[in-house]
Amino acid sequence: MFQDRYKSEPVEDDAYFLTVVRYLYQKPVKAGLVISVEKYTWSKYKEYIEGNEITDTGFTLIMFNTDREKAVKSFIEYINKVNDDVCLEISEKRQVTDEDIRNIIKKLCKVNLREGYSLSVRQIERLTGINRGIIQKLQGDNNPVPLAPVELKDYLDNGKRDQSV
């Protein structure tokens, strides 16, 4: 919440919604910005406690109790409860390199690449689901190449088309 770019994730049930609410209100405390939830200036926490007509606190409070006084008391207890809530844990994706892909294909295909299987670009496209342009790019040529048979080992070992083909 206090670093990097904005991130989001779906909140699909009431229990997780309340977890996210507590996570957001406790984040300034866990980050060491304040010593308690109510001390954070930029929070709407006080509006839940004191009530107002600007913030729709009713949606959240009704999950605790239909009686506002009891709901506020439960809300305060819930928000201030010590926990290990984790939200918005979106793993960062890293770019897969050509070498990574070559190693994955070698491992998954369990092919002795020295046997020299001849595959066409179309065969590779059909079998892997990888589009022809990407396959041709992996060959190392910037220009389009004819769909003549090529050596799989050249794709996987060197990332370039064998010039003798």
Protein backbone atom coordinates (compact mmCIF):
# COMPACT_ATOMS: atom_id res chain seq x y z
CA MET A 1 0.00 0.00 0.00
CA PHE A 2 2.88 2.40 0.69
CA GLN A 3 5.23 1.42 -2.09
CA ASP A 4 5.39 0.46 -5.75
CA ARG A 5 2.42 0.72 -8.07
CA TYR A 6 -1.26 0.32 -7.34
CA LYS A 7 -2.43 -3.29 -7.13
CA SER A 8 -5.85 -4.85 -6.76
CA GLU A 9 -7.48 -8.21 -6.24
CA PRO A 10 -11.07 -9.43 -6.08
CA VAL A 11 -12.90 -9.51 -2.75
CA GLU A 12 -15.49 -12.21 -3.22
CA ASP A 13 -16.97 -12.86 0.22
CA ASP A 14 -17.82 -11.03 3.45
CA ALA A 15 -15.15 -12.74 5.56
CA TYR A 16 -12.37 -11.70 3.19
CA PHE A 17 -13.87 -8.20 2.93
CA LEU A 18 -13.55 -7.80 6.70
CA THR A 19 -10.01 -9.17 6.56
CA VAL A 20 -9.12 -6.56 3.92
CA VAL A 21 -10.73 -3.78 6.00
CA ARG A 22 -8.69 -4.77 9.06
CA TYR A 23 -5.55 -5.14 6.95
CA LEU A 24 -5.98 -1.62 5.55
CA TYR A 25 -6.66 -0.01 8.92
CA GLN A 26 -3.74 -1.80 10.59
CA LYS A 27 -1.26 -1.18 7.78
CA PRO A 28 -0.07 2.20 9.16
CA VAL A 29 0.49 0.57 12.58
CA LYS A 30 2.38 -2.40 11.11
CA ALA A 31 4.43 0.00 8.98
CA GLY A 32 5.43 1.89 12.15
CA LEU A 33 3.81 5.17 11.14
CA VAL A 34 1.57 5.32 14.23
CA ILE A 35 1.18 3.38 17.47
CA SER A 36 -2.56 2.69 17.10
CA VAL A 37 -5.20 2.57 14.37
CA GLU A 38 -7.12 5.60 15.67
CA LYS A 39 -3.98 7.79 15.59
CA TYR A 40 -3.59 7.60 11.80
CA THR A 41 -4.78 10.97 10.46
CA TRP A 42 -5.72 9.82 6.95
CA SER A 43 -7.96 6.96 8.07
CA LYS A 44 -11.77 6.83 8.05
CA TYR A 45 -11.65 4.80 11.28
CA LYS A 46 -13.11 7.62 13.39
CA GLU A 47 -16.02 7.93 11.00
CA TYR A 48 -16.97 4.32 11.79
CA ILE A 49 -16.84 5.08 15.52
CA GLU A 50 -18.42 8.52 15.56
CA GLY A 51 -20.57 8.20 12.46
CA ASN A 52 -21.13 10.77 9.73
CA GLU A 53 -23.10 11.25 6.56
CA ILE A 54 -20.18 11.25 4.11
CA THR A 55 -18.74 7.74 4.46
CA ASP A 56 -21.04 4.74 4.06
CA THR A 57 -20.02 2.89 7.22
CA GLY A 58 -23.30 1.01 7.42
CA PHE A 59 -22.28 -1.58 4.82
CA THR A 60 -19.40 -2.75 7.00
CA LEU A 61 -20.96 -2.24 10.42
CA ILE A 62 -24.07 -4.25 9.61
CA MET A 63 -21.80 -7.29 9.16
CA PHE A 64 -21.04 -7.08 12.89
CA ASN A 65 -24.52 -6.35 14.24
CA THR A 66 -27.76 -4.67 13.22
CA ASP A 67 -27.62 -2.52 16.37
CA ARG A 68 -25.18 0.34 15.59
CA GLU A 69 -23.80 0.59 19.14
CA LYS A 70 -23.03 -3.14 19.30
CA ALA A 71 -21.70 -3.09 15.75
CA VAL A 72 -19.26 -0.27 16.56
CA LYS A 73 -18.03 -2.11 19.65
CA SER A 74 -17.47 -5.32 17.64
CA PHE A 75 -15.83 -3.30 14.85
CA ILE A 76 -13.35 -1.73 17.28
CA GLU A 77 -12.49 -5.12 18.78
CA TYR A 78 -12.10 -6.72 15.35
CA ILE A 79 -9.97 -3.95 13.84
CA ASN A 80 -7.63 -3.82 16.86
CA LYS A 81 -7.25 -7.58 17.22
CA VAL A 82 -3.66 -8.78 16.80
CA ASN A 83 -3.43 -10.83 13.60
CA ASP A 84 -1.27 -11.98 10.73
CA ASP A 85 -3.64 -10.91 7.96
CA VAL A 86 -2.05 -10.88 4.54
CA CYS A 87 -3.77 -9.25 1.61
CA LEU A 88 -2.79 -8.14 -1.85
CA GLU A 89 -0.04 -10.70 -2.02
CA ILE A 90 0.41 -10.64 -5.76
CA SER A 91 3.62 -12.29 -6.76
CA GLU A 92 5.76 -10.33 -9.12
CA LYS A 93 6.18 -12.00 -12.49
CA ARG A 94 9.58 -12.03 -14.03
CA GLN A 95 10.28 -12.16 -17.74
CA VAL A 96 11.12 -15.69 -18.87
CA THR A 97 14.28 -15.71 -20.94
CA ASP A 98 14.86 -17.73 -24.09
CA GLU A 99 17.37 -19.82 -22.14
CA ASP A 100 14.74 -20.58 -19.49
CA ILE A 101 12.33 -21.73 -22.21
CA ARG A 102 14.99 -23.89 -23.84
CA ASN A 103 15.70 -25.57 -20.50
CA ILE A 104 12.00 -26.09 -19.78
CA ILE A 105 11.45 -27.68 -23.20
CA LYS A 106 14.52 -29.91 -22.78
CA LYS A 107 13.30 -31.04 -19.37
CA LEU A 108 9.67 -31.60 -20.33
CA CYS A 109 10.28 -33.21 -23.73
CA LYS A 110 13.01 -35.52 -22.43
CA VAL A 111 14.45 -35.52 -25.93
CA ASN A 112 18.04 -36.33 -26.76
CA LEU A 113 18.67 -33.16 -28.70
CA ARG A 114 21.73 -34.61 -30.39
CA GLU A 115 19.49 -36.96 -32.43
CA GLY A 116 18.62 -34.04 -34.70
CA TYR A 117 14.81 -34.15 -34.96
CA SER A 118 13.69 -32.09 -37.94
CA LEU A 119 10.55 -30.11 -37.18
CA SER A 120 8.91 -27.41 -39.23
CA VAL A 121 8.01 -24.08 -37.69
CA ARG A 122 4.36 -25.04 -38.24
CA GLN A 123 4.84 -28.27 -36.25
CA ILE A 124 6.45 -26.40 -33.40
CA GLU A 125 3.67 -23.80 -33.51
CA ARG A 126 0.94 -26.47 -33.47
CA LEU A 127 2.52 -28.60 -30.73
CA THR A 128 3.51 -25.78 -28.36
CA GLY A 129 0.78 -23.25 -29.02
CA ILE A 130 3.51 -20.65 -29.53
CA ASN A 131 2.82 -18.37 -32.47
CA ARG A 132 4.96 -18.66 -35.59
CA GLY A 133 6.39 -15.14 -35.26
CA ILE A 134 7.78 -15.91 -31.82
CA ILE A 135 9.27 -19.19 -33.02
CA GLN A 136 10.91 -17.42 -35.93
CA LYS A 137 12.19 -14.74 -33.56
CA LEU A 138 13.77 -17.45 -31.40
CA GLN A 139 15.65 -18.55 -34.48
CA GLY A 140 17.58 -15.33 -34.19
CA ASP A 141 16.58 -13.96 -37.59
CA ASN A 142 14.86 -10.61 -37.74
CA ASN A 143 13.47 -11.38 -41.20
CA PRO A 144 10.65 -13.84 -41.80
CA VAL A 145 11.92 -17.25 -42.85
CA PRO A 146 10.23 -19.83 -45.02
CA LEU A 147 8.49 -22.66 -43.18
CA ALA A 148 11.09 -25.21 -44.18
CA PRO A 149 12.09 -27.96 -41.71
CA VAL A 150 14.53 -26.81 -39.08
CA GLU A 151 16.50 -28.66 -36.46
CA LEU A 152 14.83 -28.57 -33.02
CA LYS A 153 18.22 -28.84 -31.37
CA ASP A 154 19.18 -25.54 -33.02
CA TYR A 155 16.14 -23.84 -31.50
CA LEU A 156 16.86 -25.25 -28.11
CA ASP A 157 20.65 -25.29 -28.06
CA ASN A 158 21.48 -22.04 -29.81
CA GLY A 159 18.25 -20.16 -30.29
CA LYS A 160 19.23 -19.77 -33.95
CA ARG A 161 18.34 -21.50 -37.16
CA ASP A 162 21.02 -23.79 -38.55
CA GLN A 163 22.28 -21.86 -41.56
CA SER A 164 22.86 -25.09 -43.50
CA VAL A 165 19.14 -25.94 -43.60
